[in-house]
Amino acid sequence: MNQGATLGQFEHMVLLTIIRLDGKGHGMAVRRELEAVSGRSVTIGAVYATLDRLEAKGLLTSERRAPDAGAGGPVRRLFRAIPAGRQALTDSRALLDRLWEGVTLSPEKEG
């Protein structure tokens, strides 16, 4: 990832989800995890577009893997974060932490 480049919110969420899934990160698993944690509906198309973009940026890798012998099921494309992806998450979080320093949110007064 280019020095100084940042992750978009959804990219951040998808990349972090790949790490949470620890080697079991195929598209549908990412979608399910994001929906479970965020409580929001996520389209599979948005997930795959983001996974492809993160791979093109050099932040994760993918490989097609057949299920274990006797397990059945489809061949899945599994995604794994690489060091550059982990660093991008660290940098993104640090940037947000710096931006939050000194910020206190209070309810807006009407009037």
Foldseek 3Di string as FASTA:
>chain_A
DDVPDADDPVLLLLLVLLVVVPFAAFLVSSQVVCCVVVVDHDDSVVSVVSLVVCVVVVQKDWDWADDDPPPDDDTTIRIHGDPVNVVNSVVNVVVVVVVCVPDDDDDDDDD
